[in-house]
Amino acid sequence: MQGFPFALLAVAAFNTAIAGLLTLVAYGSSLRENMVFSHCIGFSVLLAIHFGWRLLWPAARPPRAALLGLVAFGVLAGWLGGSALASALLGLPWTAGRSPYAALAVTIAAGFTGTWFFWTRQKAAELERQRVEAQLKLLQAQIEPHFLFNTLANLDALIATDPARARTMLGHLNSYLRATLAAVRRESSTLADEFALLRGYLELQAMRMGERLRFRLELPEALAQLGLPPMLLQPLVENALKHGLEPKVEGGEVKVSAREEHGWLVLEIADTGLGHGSGGGTGVGLANVKERVAAAYEGRATVVAGANPAGGYTVTLNIPR
């Protein structure tokens, strides 16, 4: 279902509009009375539908027929509970000065209209998420051959000069390709999966760059099974190497870390390179990550990027738990 803070604001505006319209058509004794009844009933309906949705379908969209049944229940429960609450707040008998059936009709119309609004908005958000994911897969299809060809060229050179090192590199490549294929086929991932994928990628790059590349991956065990869109972090690590560390003669370090701060998941990719501005990057990878985060978390997450005062570049993702 839609983000609850947005739903509260939308329903508050909807309730206010209904109260104003009812007052214009001379329903109820005053604007104040209509406001109290409208907000009490409207928020009661929202709570009944929202928590019913979360209880019955915590991680999915319900079938349309089931949703209509939930809305019908929510409208009836919200009308009864909201009317009783409003009457108590105003010190009125439940039916004093108003037609309960007219109020129920208004509640039904408003409840189904509001549900249609949230349903279509969520469907649009889902389509946008699918568009961003399709764009990501297209981008991966363009990037992967370049990385693969470079790795195979390095393997070819090592086979003749250092067979043992070539076998080690082939093992890392095998693990990385398996993890990558698994990641692109699933709709969701975990931090443990993402960090395993990054380790395989960085192990391969470390064999290519030698002592010029150092890396650290810091993932607390308590956060390992948290969900994350698949391959969300890899474009940022690729940027750190391509635009920060590779152009720097002495190379440097890239650090990927996860931590929890005040109920938020904080993911950080920091490097000690030249800074992305010095590497001539186009910003496509970072822009893609921002789009995916916006679509996956409905605008509640943030991506902050910038150069470090002491050199290098850091990208920080703040994601609600």
Protein backbone atom coordinates (compact mmCIF):
# COMPACT_ATOMS: atom_id res chain seq x y z
CA MET A 1 0.00 0.00 0.00
CA GLN A 2 1.08 3.63 -0.40
CA GLY A 3 3.45 5.22 2.09
CA PHE A 4 1.41 5.84 5.23
CA PRO A 5 2.51 9.48 5.81
CA PHE A 6 1.40 10.39 2.28
CA ALA A 7 -1.87 8.52 2.79
CA LEU A 8 -2.56 10.49 5.99
CA LEU A 9 -2.00 13.81 4.21
CA ALA A 10 -4.10 12.79 1.21
CA VAL A 11 -6.99 11.59 3.36
CA ALA A 12 -6.84 14.74 5.50
CA ALA A 13 -7.21 16.87 2.35
CA PHE A 14 -9.98 14.59 1.07
CA ASN A 15 -11.87 14.78 4.39
CA THR A 16 -11.63 18.57 4.42
CA ALA A 17 -12.96 18.81 0.87
CA ILE A 18 -15.90 16.53 1.69
CA ALA A 19 -16.78 18.57 4.79
CA GLY A 20 -16.72 21.76 2.73
CA LEU A 21 -18.96 20.28 0.03
CA LEU A 22 -21.45 18.95 2.59
CA THR A 23 -21.64 22.38 4.19
CA LEU A 24 -22.26 24.01 0.80
CA VAL A 25 -25.26 21.73 0.18
CA ALA A 26 -26.58 22.49 3.69
CA TYR A 27 -25.93 19.01 5.10
CA GLY A 28 -25.28 19.03 8.84
CA SER A 29 -25.67 21.90 11.25
CA SER A 30 -22.30 23.60 10.73
CA LEU A 31 -18.91 23.39 9.03
CA ARG A 32 -17.33 22.47 12.37
CA GLU A 33 -19.66 19.50 12.84
CA ASN A 34 -19.08 18.32 9.27
CA MET A 35 -15.30 18.63 9.76
CA VAL A 36 -15.35 16.49 12.91
CA PHE A 37 -17.52 13.78 11.36
CA SER A 38 -15.62 13.81 8.05
CA HIS A 39 -12.19 13.47 9.65
CA CYS A 40 -13.26 10.88 12.21
CA ILE A 41 -14.96 8.70 9.58
CA GLY A 42 -12.29 9.24 6.92
CA PHE A 43 -9.34 8.35 9.14
CA SER A 44 -11.23 5.39 10.62
CA VAL A 45 -11.80 4.01 7.10
CA LEU A 46 -8.13 4.58 6.23
CA LEU A 47 -6.90 2.77 9.34
CA ALA A 48 -9.25 -0.17 8.80
CA ILE A 49 -8.17 -0.63 5.18
CA HIS A 50 -4.47 0.08 5.78
CA PHE A 51 -4.01 -2.33 8.68
CA GLY A 52 -6.24 -4.95 7.04
CA TRP A 53 -4.02 -4.76 3.95
CA ARG A 54 -0.83 -5.00 6.02
CA LEU A 55 -2.20 -7.93 8.03
CA LEU A 56 -3.49 -9.99 5.09
CA TRP A 57 -0.98 -9.03 2.36
CA PRO A 58 2.13 -7.67 4.10
CA ALA A 59 4.41 -7.80 1.05
CA ALA A 60 2.14 -7.83 -1.98
CA ARG A 61 -0.80 -6.25 -3.73
CA PRO A 62 -4.07 -8.07 -2.98
CA PRO A 63 -6.29 -9.51 -5.74
CA ARG A 64 -8.86 -6.98 -6.92
CA ALA A 65 -11.88 -8.93 -5.60
CA ALA A 66 -10.26 -9.35 -2.21
CA LEU A 67 -9.39 -5.65 -2.10
CA LEU A 68 -13.01 -4.70 -2.84
CA GLY A 69 -14.12 -6.91 0.06
CA LEU A 70 -11.57 -5.26 2.35
CA VAL A 71 -12.72 -1.78 1.25
CA ALA A 72 -16.36 -2.69 1.90
CA PHE A 73 -15.44 -3.90 5.40
CA GLY A 74 -13.27 -0.82 6.01
CA VAL A 75 -16.02 1.56 4.90
CA LEU A 76 -18.61 -0.05 7.17
CA ALA A 77 -16.25 -0.29 10.16
CA GLY A 78 -14.96 3.24 9.60
CA TRP A 79 -18.45 4.67 9.29
CA LEU A 80 -19.64 3.02 12.49
CA GLY A 81 -16.51 3.74 14.51
CA GLY A 82 -15.91 7.22 13.11
CA SER A 83 -19.53 8.31 13.59
CA ALA A 84 -19.50 7.07 17.17
CA LEU A 85 -16.21 8.87 17.86
CA ALA A 86 -17.38 12.13 16.28
CA SER A 87 -20.68 12.04 18.17
CA ALA A 88 -18.79 11.51 21.43
CA LEU A 89 -16.38 14.38 20.67
CA LEU A 90 -19.28 16.73 19.88
CA GLY A 91 -21.43 15.52 22.77
CA LEU A 92 -24.26 14.45 20.43
CA PRO A 93 -26.39 11.33 20.23
CA TRP A 94 -25.19 9.18 17.34
CA THR A 95 -28.00 10.19 14.92
CA ALA A 96 -28.65 13.71 16.21
CA GLY A 97 -29.51 16.12 13.40
CA ARG A 98 -28.19 13.87 10.58
CA SER A 99 -29.32 11.00 8.40
CA PRO A 100 -27.10 7.99 9.12
CA TYR A 101 -27.95 6.48 5.73
CA ALA A 102 -26.92 9.63 3.87
CA ALA A 103 -23.68 9.66 5.85
CA LEU A 104 -23.10 6.00 4.97
CA ALA A 105 -23.69 6.74 1.26
CA VAL A 106 -21.14 9.57 1.38
CA THR A 107 -18.68 7.28 3.20
CA ILE A 108 -19.11 4.53 0.58
CA ALA A 109 -18.57 6.94 -2.31
CA ALA A 110 -15.55 8.55 -0.63
CA GLY A 111 -14.07 5.22 0.46
CA PHE A 112 -14.14 3.65 -2.99
CA THR A 113 -12.95 6.88 -4.65
CA GLY A 114 -10.01 7.11 -2.27
CA THR A 115 -9.15 3.44 -2.78
CA TRP A 116 -9.20 3.88 -6.57
CA PHE A 117 -6.83 6.85 -6.19
CA PHE A 118 -4.32 4.94 -4.06
CA TRP A 119 -4.60 1.79 -6.20
CA THR A 120 -3.89 3.64 -9.46
CA ARG A 121 -1.06 5.61 -7.85
CA GLN A 122 0.59 2.42 -6.61
CA LYS A 123 0.14 0.80 -10.01
CA ALA A 124 1.86 3.79 -11.62
CA ALA A 125 4.71 3.51 -9.10
CA GLU A 126 5.06 -0.20 -9.87
CA LEU A 127 5.23 0.51 -13.61
CA GLU A 128 7.92 3.11 -12.95
CA ARG A 129 9.88 0.63 -10.87
CA GLN A 130 9.66 -1.93 -13.67
CA ARG A 131 10.84 0.69 -16.17
CA VAL A 132 13.85 1.53 -14.00
CA GLU A 133 14.69 -2.16 -13.52
CA ALA A 134 14.47 -2.76 -17.28
CA GLN A 135 16.77 0.20 -17.83
CA LEU A 136 19.21 -1.26 -15.29
CA LYS A 137 19.27 -4.63 -17.07
CA LEU A 138 19.92 -2.88 -20.40
CA LEU A 139 22.77 -0.95 -18.81
CA GLN A 140 24.19 -4.17 -17.35
CA ALA A 141 24.00 -5.82 -20.75
CA GLN A 142 26.12 -2.97 -22.13
CA ILE A 143 28.68 -2.95 -19.31
CA GLU A 144 29.20 -6.66 -18.59
CA PRO A 145 30.86 -7.61 -21.93
CA HIS A 146 33.50 -4.90 -21.48
CA PHE A 147 34.33 -6.12 -17.97
CA LEU A 148 34.26 -9.75 -19.07
CA PHE A 149 36.54 -9.19 -22.07
CA ASN A 150 39.08 -7.35 -19.92
CA THR A 151 39.06 -10.16 -17.38
CA LEU A 152 39.47 -12.84 -20.06
CA ALA A 153 42.37 -10.88 -21.58
CA ASN A 154 44.07 -10.81 -18.17
CA LEU A 155 43.45 -14.55 -17.79
CA ASP A 156 44.98 -15.22 -21.19
CA ALA A 157 48.13 -13.33 -20.19
CA LEU A 158 48.36 -15.06 -16.80
CA ILE A 159 47.97 -18.59 -18.16
CA ALA A 160 51.38 -18.36 -19.82
CA THR A 161 53.20 -16.45 -17.08
CA ASP A 162 51.53 -17.50 -13.81
CA PRO A 163 49.19 -20.52 -14.10
CA ALA A 164 48.47 -20.69 -10.36
CA ARG A 165 47.36 -17.05 -10.32
CA ALA A 166 45.30 -17.68 -13.45
CA ARG A 167 43.45 -20.55 -11.72
CA THR A 168 42.73 -18.31 -8.73
CA MET A 169 41.41 -15.58 -11.00
CA LEU A 170 39.26 -18.09 -12.88
CA GLY A 171 37.76 -19.22 -9.57
CA HIS A 172 36.88 -15.62 -8.65
CA LEU A 173 35.38 -15.07 -12.11
CA ASN A 174 33.27 -18.22 -11.80
CA SER A 175 31.93 -17.15 -8.38
CA TYR A 176 31.24 -13.63 -9.60
CA LEU A 177 29.35 -14.76 -12.73
CA ARG A 178 27.22 -17.19 -10.71
CA ALA A 179 26.32 -14.44 -8.22
CA THR A 180 25.60 -11.96 -11.02
CA LEU A 181 23.30 -14.32 -12.92
CA ALA A 182 21.41 -15.11 -9.72
CA ALA A 183 21.07 -11.40 -8.90
CA VAL A 184 19.61 -10.31 -12.24
CA ARG A 185 16.99 -13.06 -12.10
CA ARG A 186 15.49 -12.10 -8.75
CA GLU A 187 13.35 -9.12 -7.83
CA SER A 188 14.81 -8.64 -4.37
CA SER A 189 18.08 -9.40 -2.64
CA THR A 190 19.70 -9.20 0.78
CA LEU A 191 22.68 -7.24 2.01
CA ALA A 192 24.55 -10.52 2.44
CA ASP A 193 23.97 -11.37 -1.23
CA GLU A 194 25.00 -7.89 -2.35
CA PHE A 195 28.20 -7.88 -0.32
CA ALA A 196 29.09 -11.37 -1.62
CA LEU A 197 28.65 -10.07 -5.16
CA LEU A 198 30.83 -7.05 -4.43
CA ARG A 199 33.53 -9.25 -2.89
CA GLY A 200 33.71 -11.37 -6.04
CA TYR A 201 33.91 -8.28 -8.23
CA LEU A 202 36.59 -6.61 -6.09
CA GLU A 203 38.66 -9.79 -5.82
CA LEU A 204 38.81 -9.90 -9.61
CA GLN A 205 39.71 -6.24 -9.87
CA ALA A 206 42.36 -6.61 -7.16
CA MET A 207 44.06 -9.33 -9.19
CA ARG A 208 44.07 -7.03 -12.20
CA MET A 209 45.23 -3.87 -10.38
CA GLY A 210 47.52 -5.60 -7.89
CA GLU A 211 48.70 -3.50 -4.94
CA ARG A 212 47.05 -0.41 -6.42
CA LEU A 213 43.67 -1.61 -5.15
CA ARG A 214 42.75 -2.23 -1.53
CA PHE A 215 39.18 -2.80 -0.38
CA ARG A 216 37.15 -3.28 2.79
CA LEU A 217 33.62 -4.65 3.15
CA GLU A 218 31.94 -4.03 6.50
CA LEU A 219 28.55 -5.69 7.05
CA PRO A 220 27.31 -6.32 10.61
CA GLU A 221 25.73 -9.74 11.02
CA ALA A 222 22.54 -8.16 12.37
CA LEU A 223 21.95 -6.41 9.03
CA ALA A 224 22.94 -9.25 6.69
CA GLN A 225 19.40 -10.42 5.89
CA LEU A 226 17.86 -7.00 5.27
CA GLY A 227 16.24 -6.68 1.86
CA LEU A 228 17.68 -4.55 -0.93
CA PRO A 229 17.04 -4.15 -4.68
CA PRO A 230 19.47 -6.49 -6.48
CA MET A 231 22.79 -5.09 -7.69
CA LEU A 232 22.04 -1.66 -6.24
CA LEU A 233 25.55 -1.01 -4.95
CA GLN A 234 27.68 -2.43 -7.75
CA PRO A 235 27.41 0.58 -10.13
CA LEU A 236 28.68 2.79 -7.30
CA VAL A 237 31.67 0.52 -6.63
CA GLU A 238 32.40 0.39 -10.37
CA ASN A 239 32.36 4.21 -10.43
CA ALA A 240 34.76 4.34 -7.49
CA LEU A 241 37.28 2.19 -9.36
CA LYS A 242 36.83 3.55 -12.85
CA HIS A 243 36.69 7.27 -12.05
CA GLY A 244 38.51 7.43 -8.72
CA LEU A 245 41.18 4.76 -8.23
CA GLU A 246 42.23 3.61 -11.70
CA PRO A 247 43.25 7.10 -12.92
CA LYS A 248 45.33 7.59 -9.75
CA VAL A 249 48.92 6.38 -10.22
CA GLU A 250 49.25 4.88 -6.76
CA GLY A 251 45.65 3.64 -6.66
CA GLY A 252 43.91 3.62 -3.31
CA GLU A 253 41.17 2.04 -1.23
CA VAL A 254 37.44 1.56 -1.62
CA LYS A 255 35.32 0.84 1.46
CA VAL A 256 31.72 -0.38 1.42
CA SER A 257 29.95 -0.34 4.77
CA ALA A 258 26.49 -0.82 6.24
CA ARG A 259 25.22 0.47 9.57
CA GLU A 260 21.99 1.36 11.33
CA GLU A 261 21.32 4.90 12.53
CA HIS A 262 18.08 5.85 14.31
CA GLY A 263 16.01 3.24 12.49
CA TRP A 264 17.59 3.91 9.08
CA LEU A 265 19.89 1.67 7.07
CA VAL A 266 22.96 3.67 5.99
CA LEU A 267 25.05 2.29 3.13
CA GLU A 268 28.29 4.04 2.28
CA ILE A 269 30.71 3.62 -0.64
CA ALA A 270 33.87 5.66 -0.04
CA ASP A 271 37.12 5.75 -2.01
CA THR A 272 40.45 7.53 -1.67
CA GLY A 273 40.81 8.20 -5.39
CA LEU A 274 40.89 11.37 -7.42
CA GLY A 275 37.20 12.10 -7.01
CA HIS A 276 34.67 11.34 -9.74
CA GLY A 277 34.85 14.82 -11.16
CA SER A 278 38.52 14.25 -11.99
CA GLY A 279 37.82 10.93 -13.68
CA GLY A 280 35.63 12.28 -16.44
CA GLY A 281 32.62 10.14 -15.53
CA THR A 282 29.20 10.74 -17.08
CA GLY A 283 27.24 10.16 -13.88
CA VAL A 284 25.03 7.49 -15.51
CA GLY A 285 25.67 4.90 -12.79
CA LEU A 286 24.87 7.31 -9.94
CA ALA A 287 21.78 8.64 -11.73
CA ASN A 288 20.57 5.09 -12.27
CA VAL A 289 20.99 4.26 -8.58
CA LYS A 290 19.05 7.39 -7.60
CA GLU A 291 16.19 6.41 -9.92
CA ARG A 292 16.06 2.87 -8.55
CA VAL A 293 16.10 4.08 -4.94
CA ALA A 294 13.35 6.62 -5.62
CA ALA A 295 11.16 3.98 -7.27
CA ALA A 296 11.83 1.22 -4.73
CA TYR A 297 11.25 3.34 -1.60
CA GLU A 298 8.62 5.78 -2.92
CA GLY A 299 10.78 8.85 -2.34
CA ARG A 300 11.52 8.04 1.31
CA ALA A 301 15.19 7.14 0.78
CA THR A 302 18.01 9.50 -0.16
CA VAL A 303 21.28 9.24 -2.07
CA VAL A 304 23.95 11.83 -1.23
CA ALA A 305 27.23 12.03 -3.16
CA GLY A 306 30.23 14.31 -3.00
CA ALA A 307 33.98 14.69 -2.81
CA ASN A 308 35.75 14.16 0.52
CA PRO A 309 37.72 17.07 2.04
CA ALA A 310 40.79 14.84 2.36
CA GLY A 311 40.42 13.47 -1.18
CA GLY A 312 38.33 10.78 -2.75
CA TYR A 313 34.58 10.45 -3.13
CA THR A 314 31.70 9.12 -1.02
CA VAL A 315 28.18 8.06 -1.87
CA THR A 316 25.76 7.54 1.04
CA LEU A 317 22.37 5.84 0.80
CA ASN A 318 19.86 6.41 3.63
CA ILE A 319 17.12 3.79 3.48
CA PRO A 320 14.17 3.41 5.89
CA ARG A 321 14.12 0.12 7.79
